[in-house]
């Protein structure tokens, strides 16, 4: 299982995935508004199944906050 951490300080605006969802590499997972008001799209370069969501909408996060845990699949997928 791979924990995914917040890349910034801010507040979770939207959670775009559900527990048990299958995600694809570089799919948008979360929107986090940082302290400067910018919205960061959180994506990861792996595919797999979401095993747990660790945050809720409107929750404050830091770079030490785990957002989600993913069970990575190891199947090669093609993309450009």
PDB file of N, CA and C in Angstrom:
ATOM      1  N   UNK A   1       0.841  -1.180   0.000  1.00  0.00           N
ATOM      2  CA  UNK A   1       0.000   0.000   0.000  1.00  0.00           C
ATOM      3  C   UNK A   1       0.882   1.237   0.000  1.00  0.00           C
ATOM      4  N   UNK A   2       0.518   2.187  -0.787  1.00  0.00           N
ATOM      5  CA  UNK A   2       1.306   3.393  -0.968  1.00  0.00           C
ATOM      6  C   UNK A   2       0.538   4.590  -0.402  1.00  0.00           C
ATOM      7  N   UNK A   3       1.069   5.249   0.644  1.00  0.00           N
ATOM      8  CA  UNK A   3       0.409   6.464   1.130  1.00  0.00           C
ATOM      9  C   UNK A   3       0.756   7.641   0.219  1.00  0.00           C
ATOM     10  N   UNK A   4      -0.214   8.491  -0.032  1.00  0.00           N
ATOM     11  CA  UNK A   4      -0.015   9.689  -0.839  1.00  0.00           C
ATOM     12  C   UNK A   4      -0.192  10.891   0.087  1.00  0.00           C
ATOM     13  N   UNK A   5       0.846  11.725   0.154  1.00  0.00           N
ATOM     14  CA  UNK A   5       0.859  12.879   1.053  1.00  0.00           C
ATOM     15  C   UNK A   5       0.463  14.146   0.319  1.00  0.00           C
ATOM     16  N   UNK A   6      -0.070  15.094   1.063  1.00  0.00           N
ATOM     17  CA  UNK A   6      -0.350  16.415   0.522  1.00  0.00           C
ATOM     18  C   UNK A   6       0.974  17.067   0.114  1.00  0.00           C
ATOM     19  N   UNK A   7       1.003  17.723  -1.037  1.00  0.00           N
ATOM     20  CA  UNK A   7       2.229  18.401  -1.449  1.00  0.00           C
ATOM     21  C   UNK A   7       2.355  19.809  -0.859  1.00  0.00           C
ATOM     22  N   UNK A   8       1.326  20.258  -0.125  1.00  0.00           N
ATOM     23  CA  UNK A   8       1.330  21.650   0.329  1.00  0.00           C
ATOM     24  C   UNK A   8       0.498  21.811   1.602  1.00  0.00           C
ATOM     25  N   UNK A   9       0.601  22.989   2.191  1.00  0.00           N
ATOM     26  CA  UNK A   9      -0.296  23.406   3.265  1.00  0.00           C
ATOM     27  C   UNK A   9      -1.554  23.941   2.610  1.00  0.00           C
ATOM     28  N   UNK A  10      -2.703  23.631   3.164  1.00  0.00           N
ATOM     29  CA  UNK A  10      -3.933  24.159   2.597  1.00  0.00           C
ATOM     30  C   UNK A  10      -5.158  23.480   3.163  1.00  0.00           C
ATOM     31  N   UNK A  11      -6.244  23.534   2.375  1.00  0.00           N
ATOM     32  CA  UNK A  11      -7.530  22.965   2.777  1.00  0.00           C
ATOM     33  C   UNK A  11      -8.063  22.134   1.615  1.00  0.00           C
ATOM     34  N   UNK A  12      -8.540  20.929   1.930  1.00  0.00           N
ATOM     35  CA  UNK A  12      -9.111  20.052   0.908  1.00  0.00           C
ATOM     36  C   UNK A  12     -10.426  20.672   0.435  1.00  0.00           C
ATOM     37  N   UNK A  13     -10.474  21.026  -0.856  1.00  0.00           N
ATOM     38  CA  UNK A  13     -11.701  21.601  -1.418  1.00  0.00           C
ATOM     39  C   UNK A  13     -12.615  20.534  -1.980  1.00  0.00           C
ATOM     40  N   UNK A  14     -12.048  19.590  -2.729  1.00  0.00           N
ATOM     41  CA  UNK A  14     -12.846  18.528  -3.336  1.00  0.00           C
ATOM     42  C   UNK A  14     -12.087  17.214  -3.298  1.00  0.00           C
ATOM     43  N   UNK A  15     -12.809  16.152  -3.021  1.00  0.00           N
ATOM     44  CA  UNK A  15     -12.285  14.793  -3.123  1.00  0.00           C
ATOM     45  C   UNK A  15     -12.968  14.191  -4.338  1.00  0.00           C
ATOM     46  N   UNK A  16     -12.182  13.829  -5.338  1.00  0.00           N
ATOM     47  CA  UNK A  16     -12.722  13.409  -6.623  1.00  0.00           C
ATOM     48  C   UNK A  16     -12.742  11.894  -6.808  1.00  0.00           C
ATOM     49  N   UNK A  17     -12.391  11.151  -5.762  1.00  0.00           N
ATOM     50  CA  UNK A  17     -12.372   9.689  -5.809  1.00  0.00           C
ATOM     51  C   UNK A  17     -13.109   9.133  -4.598  1.00  0.00           C
ATOM     52  N   UNK A  18     -13.417   7.848  -4.645  1.00  0.00           N
ATOM     53  CA  UNK A  18     -14.081   7.167  -3.539  1.00  0.00           C
ATOM     54  C   UNK A  18     -13.224   5.996  -3.085  1.00  0.00           C
ATOM     55  N   UNK A  19     -13.467   5.553  -1.860  1.00  0.00           N
ATOM     56  CA  UNK A  19     -12.805   4.339  -1.387  1.00  0.00           C
ATOM     57  C   UNK A  19     -13.210   3.188  -2.301  1.00  0.00           C
ATOM     58  N   UNK A  20     -12.282   2.343  -2.620  1.00  0.00           N
ATOM     59  CA  UNK A  20     -12.450   1.185  -3.501  1.00  0.00           C
ATOM     60  C   UNK A  20     -12.465   1.549  -4.983  1.00  0.00           C
ATOM     61  N   UNK A  21     -12.334   2.848  -5.323  1.00  0.00           N
ATOM     62  CA  UNK A  21     -12.264   3.244  -6.727  1.00  0.00           C
ATOM     63  C   UNK A  21     -10.948   2.782  -7.333  1.00  0.00           C
ATOM     64  N   UNK A  22     -10.986   2.439  -8.622  1.00  0.00           N
ATOM     65  CA  UNK A  22      -9.756   2.185  -9.364  1.00  0.00           C
ATOM     66  C   UNK A  22      -9.343   3.508  -9.969  1.00  0.00           C
ATOM     67  N   UNK A  23      -8.067   3.871  -9.817  1.00  0.00           N
ATOM     68  CA  UNK A  23      -7.579   5.114 -10.413  1.00  0.00           C
ATOM     69  C   UNK A  23      -6.511   4.796 -11.444  1.00  0.00           C
ATOM     70  N   UNK A  24      -6.394   5.682 -12.406  1.00  0.00           N
ATOM     71  CA  UNK A  24      -5.382   5.569 -13.453  1.00  0.00           C
ATOM     72  C   UNK A  24      -4.280   6.585 -13.197  1.00  0.00           C
ATOM     73  N   UNK A  25      -3.086   6.287 -13.687  1.00  0.00           N
ATOM     74  CA  UNK A  25      -1.955   7.197 -13.518  1.00  0.00           C
ATOM     75  C   UNK A  25      -2.325   8.595 -14.005  1.00  0.00           C
ATOM     76  N   UNK A  26      -1.994   9.587 -13.220  1.00  0.00           N
ATOM     77  CA  UNK A  26      -2.177  11.020 -13.474  1.00  0.00           C
ATOM     78  C   UNK A  26      -3.632  11.468 -13.469  1.00  0.00           C
ATOM     79  N   UNK A  27      -4.524  10.619 -12.973  1.00  0.00           N
ATOM     80  CA  UNK A  27      -5.918  11.025 -12.782  1.00  0.00           C
ATOM     81  C   UNK A  27      -5.983  12.020 -11.625  1.00  0.00           C
ATOM     82  N   UNK A  28      -6.852  13.010 -11.748  1.00  0.00           N
ATOM     83  CA  UNK A  28      -7.023  14.002 -10.689  1.00  0.00           C
ATOM     84  C   UNK A  28      -7.730  13.356  -9.508  1.00  0.00           C
ATOM     85  N   UNK A  29      -7.129  13.474  -8.289  1.00  0.00           N
ATOM     86  CA  UNK A  29      -7.677  12.842  -7.094  1.00  0.00           C
ATOM     87  C   UNK A  29      -8.314  13.838  -6.126  1.00  0.00           C
ATOM     88  N   UNK A  30      -7.634  14.967  -5.914  1.00  0.00           N
ATOM     89  CA  UNK A  30      -8.068  15.977  -4.940  1.00  0.00           C
ATOM     90  C   UNK A  30      -7.820  17.362  -5.499  1.00  0.00           C
ATOM     91  N   UNK A  31      -8.570  18.332  -4.980  1.00  0.00           N
ATOM     92  CA  UNK A  31      -8.274  19.749  -5.183  1.00  0.00           C
ATOM     93  C   UNK A  31      -7.994  20.325  -3.808  1.00  0.00           C
ATOM     94  N   UNK A  32      -6.828  20.947  -3.666  1.00  0.00           N
ATOM     95  CA  UNK A  32      -6.434  21.558  -2.393  1.00  0.00           C
ATOM     96  C   UNK A  32      -6.140  23.030  -2.631  1.00  0.00           C
ATOM     97  N   UNK A  33      -6.819  23.881  -1.868  1.00  0.00           N
ATOM     98  CA  UNK A  33      -6.564  25.327  -1.948  1.00  0.00           C
ATOM     99  C   UNK A  33      -5.459  25.650  -0.957  1.00  0.00           C
ATOM    100  N   UNK A  34      -4.358  26.213  -1.481  1.00  0.00           N
ATOM    101  CA  UNK A  34      -3.229  26.531  -0.609  1.00  0.00           C
ATOM    102  C   UNK A  34      -3.438  27.865   0.091  1.00  0.00           C
ATOM    103  N   UNK A  35      -2.506  28.217   0.961  1.00  0.00           N
ATOM    104  CA  UNK A  35      -2.634  29.436   1.783  1.00  0.00           C
ATOM    105  C   UNK A  35      -2.640  30.713   0.943  1.00  0.00           C
ATOM    106  N   UNK A  36      -2.143  30.639  -0.318  1.00  0.00           N
ATOM    107  CA  UNK A  36      -2.140  31.808  -1.203  1.00  0.00           C
ATOM    108  C   UNK A  36      -3.413  31.916  -2.030  1.00  0.00           C
ATOM    109  N   UNK A  37      -4.308  30.946  -1.890  1.00  0.00           N
ATOM    110  CA  UNK A  37      -5.564  30.961  -2.624  1.00  0.00           C
ATOM    111  C   UNK A  37      -5.535  30.179  -3.924  1.00  0.00           C
ATOM    112  N   UNK A  38      -4.385  29.635  -4.301  1.00  0.00           N
ATOM    113  CA  UNK A  38      -4.287  28.838  -5.526  1.00  0.00           C
ATOM    114  C   UNK A  38      -4.837  27.438  -5.279  1.00  0.00           C
ATOM    115  N   UNK A  39      -5.440  26.868  -6.316  1.00  0.00           N
ATOM    116  CA  UNK A  39      -5.965  25.506  -6.212  1.00  0.00           C
ATOM    117  C   UNK A  39      -4.960  24.550  -6.849  1.00  0.00           C
ATOM    118  N   UNK A  40      -4.549  23.551  -6.086  1.00  0.00           N
ATOM    119  CA  UNK A  40      -3.617  22.532  -6.557  1.00  0.00           C
ATOM    120  C   UNK A  40      -4.387  21.270  -6.893  1.00  0.00           C
ATOM    121  N   UNK A  41      -4.172  20.756  -8.102  1.00  0.00           N
ATOM    122  CA  UNK A  41      -4.756  19.479  -8.509  1.00  0.00           C
ATOM    123  C   UNK A  41      -3.788  18.388  -8.091  1.00  0.00           C
ATOM    124  N   UNK A  42      -4.243  17.451  -7.281  1.00  0.00           N
ATOM    125  CA  UNK A  42      -3.385  16.385  -6.781  1.00  0.00           C
ATOM    126  C   UNK A  42      -3.574  15.161  -7.661  1.00  0.00           C
ATOM    127  N   UNK A  43      -2.454  14.705  -8.257  1.00  0.00           N
ATOM    128  CA  UNK A  43      -2.427  13.543  -9.139  1.00  0.00           C
ATOM    129  C   UNK A  43      -1.220  12.696  -8.755  1.00  0.00           C
ATOM    130  N   UNK A  44      -1.260  11.417  -9.070  1.00  0.00           N
ATOM    131  CA  UNK A  44      -0.107  10.550  -8.823  1.00  0.00           C
ATOM    132  C   UNK A  44       0.175   9.726 -10.077  1.00  0.00           C
ATOM    133  N   UNK A  45       1.416   9.354 -10.239  1.00  0.00           N
ATOM    134  CA  UNK A  45       1.849   8.609 -11.416  1.00  0.00           C
ATOM    135  C   UNK A  45       1.744   7.114 -11.243  1.00  0.00           C
ATOM    136  N   UNK A  46       0.643   6.648 -10.696  1.00  0.00           N
ATOM    137  CA  UNK A  46       0.438   5.210 -10.541  1.00  0.00           C
ATOM    138  C   UNK A  46      -1.031   4.880 -10.708  1.00  0.00           C
ATOM    139  N   UNK A  47      -1.284   3.633 -11.067  1.00  0.00           N
ATOM    140  CA  UNK A  47      -2.647   3.110 -11.160  1.00  0.00           C
ATOM    141  C   UNK A  47      -2.858   2.134 -10.015  1.00  0.00           C
ATOM    142  N   UNK A  48      -4.097   2.008  -9.590  1.00  0.00           N
ATOM    143  CA  UNK A  48      -4.393   1.056  -8.535  1.00  0.00           C
ATOM    144  C   UNK A  48      -5.748   1.317  -7.904  1.00  0.00           C
ATOM    145  N   UNK A  49      -5.973   0.649  -6.771  1.00  0.00           N
ATOM    146  CA  UNK A  49      -7.251   0.745  -6.062  1.00  0.00           C
ATOM    147  C   UNK A  49      -7.056   1.555  -4.788  1.00  0.00           C
ATOM    148  N   UNK A  50      -7.978   2.479  -4.536  1.00  0.00           N
ATOM    149  CA  UNK A  50      -7.972   3.267  -3.306  1.00  0.00           C
ATOM    150  C   UNK A  50      -8.385   2.343  -2.163  1.00  0.00           C
ATOM    151  N   UNK A  51      -7.511   2.181  -1.189  1.00  0.00           N
ATOM    152  CA  UNK A  51      -7.844   1.320  -0.051  1.00  0.00           C
ATOM    153  C   UNK A  51      -8.384   2.126   1.119  1.00  0.00           C
ATOM    154  N   UNK A  52      -8.003   3.411   1.213  1.00  0.00           N
ATOM    155  CA  UNK A  52      -8.584   4.256   2.264  1.00  0.00           C
ATOM    156  C   UNK A  52      -8.416   5.723   1.926  1.00  0.00           C
ATOM    157  N   UNK A  53      -9.438   6.496   2.244  1.00  0.00           N
ATOM    158  CA  UNK A  53      -9.372   7.957   2.179  1.00  0.00           C
ATOM    159  C   UNK A  53      -9.055   8.434   3.585  1.00  0.00           C
ATOM    160  N   UNK A  54      -8.031   9.230   3.724  1.00  0.00           N
ATOM    161  CA  UNK A  54      -7.565   9.641   5.046  1.00  0.00           C
ATOM    162  C   UNK A  54      -7.979  11.069   5.428  1.00  0.00           C
ATOM    163  N   UNK A  55      -8.618  11.803   4.504  1.00  0.00           N
ATOM    164  CA  UNK A  55      -9.038  13.182   4.778  1.00  0.00           C
ATOM    165  C   UNK A  55     -10.487  13.373   4.360  1.00  0.00           C
ATOM    166  N   UNK A  56     -11.050  14.489   4.795  1.00  0.00           N
ATOM    167  CA  UNK A  56     -12.412  14.879   4.433  1.00  0.00           C
ATOM    168  C   UNK A  56     -12.365  16.265   3.795  1.00  0.00           C
ATOM    169  N   UNK A  57     -13.409  16.604   3.060  1.00  0.00           N
ATOM    170  CA  UNK A  57     -13.493  17.937   2.484  1.00  0.00           C
ATOM    171  C   UNK A  57     -13.483  18.979   3.593  1.00  0.00           C
ATOM    172  N   UNK A  58     -12.855  20.105   3.325  1.00  0.00           N
ATOM    173  CA  UNK A  58     -12.687  21.245   4.235  1.00  0.00           C
ATOM    174  C   UNK A  58     -11.670  20.991   5.342  1.00  0.00           C
ATOM    175  N   UNK A  59     -10.983  19.866   5.295  1.00  0.00           N
ATOM    176  CA  UNK A  59      -9.949  19.572   6.291  1.00  0.00           C
ATOM    177  C   UNK A  59      -8.663  20.300   5.933  1.00  0.00           C
ATOM    178  N   UNK A  60      -8.008  20.876   6.950  1.00  0.00           N
ATOM    179  CA  UNK A  60      -6.692  21.480   6.760  1.00  0.00           C
ATOM    180  C   UNK A  60      -5.653  20.376   6.630  1.00  0.00           C
ATOM    181  N   UNK A  61      -4.692  20.579   5.702  1.00  0.00           N
ATOM    182  CA  UNK A  61      -3.642  19.592   5.476  1.00  0.00           C
ATOM    183  C   UNK A  61      -2.275  20.258   5.465  1.00  0.00           C
ATOM    184  N   UNK A  62      -1.259  19.456   5.716  1.00  0.00           N
ATOM    185  CA  UNK A  62       0.140  19.883   5.658  1.00  0.00           C
ATOM    186  C   UNK A  62       0.888  18.852   4.808  1.00  0.00           C
ATOM    187  N   UNK A  63       2.153  19.107   4.488  1.00  0.00           N
ATOM    188  CA  UNK A  63       2.919  18.105   3.741  1.00  0.00           C
ATOM    189  C   UNK A  63       3.115  16.787   4.498  1.00  0.00           C
ATOM    190  N   UNK A  64       2.774  16.717   5.773  1.00  0.00           N
ATOM    191  CA  UNK A  64       2.839  15.472   6.540  1.00  0.00           C
ATOM    192  C   UNK A  64       1.514  14.724   6.574  1.00  0.00           C
ATOM    193  N   UNK A  65       0.472  15.264   5.941  1.00  0.00           N
ATOM    194  CA  UNK A  65      -0.856  14.660   5.963  1.00  0.00           C
ATOM    195  C   UNK A  65      -0.997  13.623   4.858  1.00  0.00           C
ATOM    196  N   UNK A  66      -1.367  12.403   5.238  1.00  0.00           N
ATOM    197  CA  UNK A  66      -1.678  11.372   4.246  1.00  0.00           C
ATOM    198  C   UNK A  66      -3.085  11.650   3.725  1.00  0.00           C
ATOM    199  N   UNK A  67      -3.209  11.763   2.402  1.00  0.00           N
ATOM    200  CA  UNK A  67      -4.504  12.020   1.782  1.00  0.00           C
ATOM    201  C   UNK A  67      -5.259  10.730   1.502  1.00  0.00           C
ATOM    202  N   UNK A  68      -4.534   9.749   1.005  1.00  0.00           N
ATOM    203  CA  UNK A  68      -5.149   8.518   0.526  1.00  0.00           C
ATOM    204  C   UNK A  68      -4.095   7.415   0.544  1.00  0.00           C
ATOM    205  N   UNK A  69      -4.562   6.174   0.603  1.00  0.00           N
ATOM    206  CA  UNK A  69      -3.664   5.022   0.450  1.00  0.00           C
ATOM    207  C   UNK A  69      -4.132   4.240  -0.768  1.00  0.00           C
ATOM    208  N   UNK A  70      -3.157   3.842  -1.585  1.00  0.00           N
ATOM    209  CA  UNK A  70      -3.450   3.176  -2.850  1.00  0.00           C
ATOM    210  C   UNK A  70      -2.721   1.837  -2.896  1.00  0.00           C
ATOM    211  N   UNK A  71      -3.446   0.806  -3.295  1.00  0.00           N
ATOM    212  CA  UNK A  71      -2.826  -0.489  -3.585  1.00  0.00           C
ATOM    213  C   UNK A  71      -2.482  -0.455  -5.068  1.00  0.00           C
ATOM    214  N   UNK A  72      -1.204  -0.245  -5.343  1.00  0.00           N
ATOM    215  CA  UNK A  72      -0.751  -0.073  -6.727  1.00  0.00           C
ATOM    216  C   UNK A  72      -0.839  -1.384  -7.493  1.00  0.00           C
ATOM    217  N   UNK A  73      -1.322  -1.280  -8.747  1.00  0.00           N
ATOM    218  CA  UNK A  73      -1.242  -2.460  -9.606  1.00  0.00           C
ATOM    219  C   UNK A  73       0.062  -2.342 -10.384  1.00  0.00           C
ATOM    220  N   UNK A  74       0.608  -3.454 -10.752  1.00  0.00           N
ATOM    221  CA  UNK A  74       1.903  -3.450 -11.400  1.00  0.00           C
ATOM    222  C   UNK A  74       1.804  -3.809 -12.877  1.00  0.00           C
ATOM    223  N   UNK A  75       0.603  -3.677 -13.429  1.00  0.00           N
ATOM    224  CA  UNK A  75       0.426  -3.931 -14.862  1.00  0.00           C
ATOM    225  C   UNK A  75       0.904  -2.739 -15.653  1.00  0.00           C
ATOM    226  N   UNK A  76       1.676  -2.997 -16.692  1.00  0.00           N
ATOM    227  CA  UNK A  76       2.155  -1.917 -17.554  1.00  0.00           C
ATOM    228  C   UNK A  76       0.999  -1.398 -18.374  1.00  0.00           C
ATOM    229  N   UNK A  77       0.869  -0.084 -18.415  1.00  0.00           N
ATOM    230  CA  UNK A  77      -0.153   0.540 -19.262  1.00  0.00           C
ATOM    231  C   UNK A  77       0.538   1.514 -20.178  1.00  0.00           C
ATOM    232  N   UNK A  78      -0.009   1.720 -21.345  1.00  0.00           N
ATOM    233  CA  UNK A  78       0.620   2.615 -22.309  1.00  0.00           C
ATOM    234  C   UNK A  78       0.035   4.004 -22.241  1.00  0.00           C
ATOM    235  N   UNK A  79       0.891   4.993 -22.409  1.00  0.00           N
ATOM    236  CA  UNK A  79       0.445   6.378 -22.518  1.00  0.00           C
ATOM    237  C   UNK A  79       1.553   7.184 -23.166  1.00  0.00           C
ATOM    238  N   UNK A  80       1.191   8.278 -23.760  1.00  0.00           N
ATOM    239  CA  UNK A  80       2.193   9.159 -24.383  1.00  0.00           C
ATOM    240  C   UNK A  80       2.463  10.344 -23.521  1.00  0.00           C
TER     241      UNK A  80
END
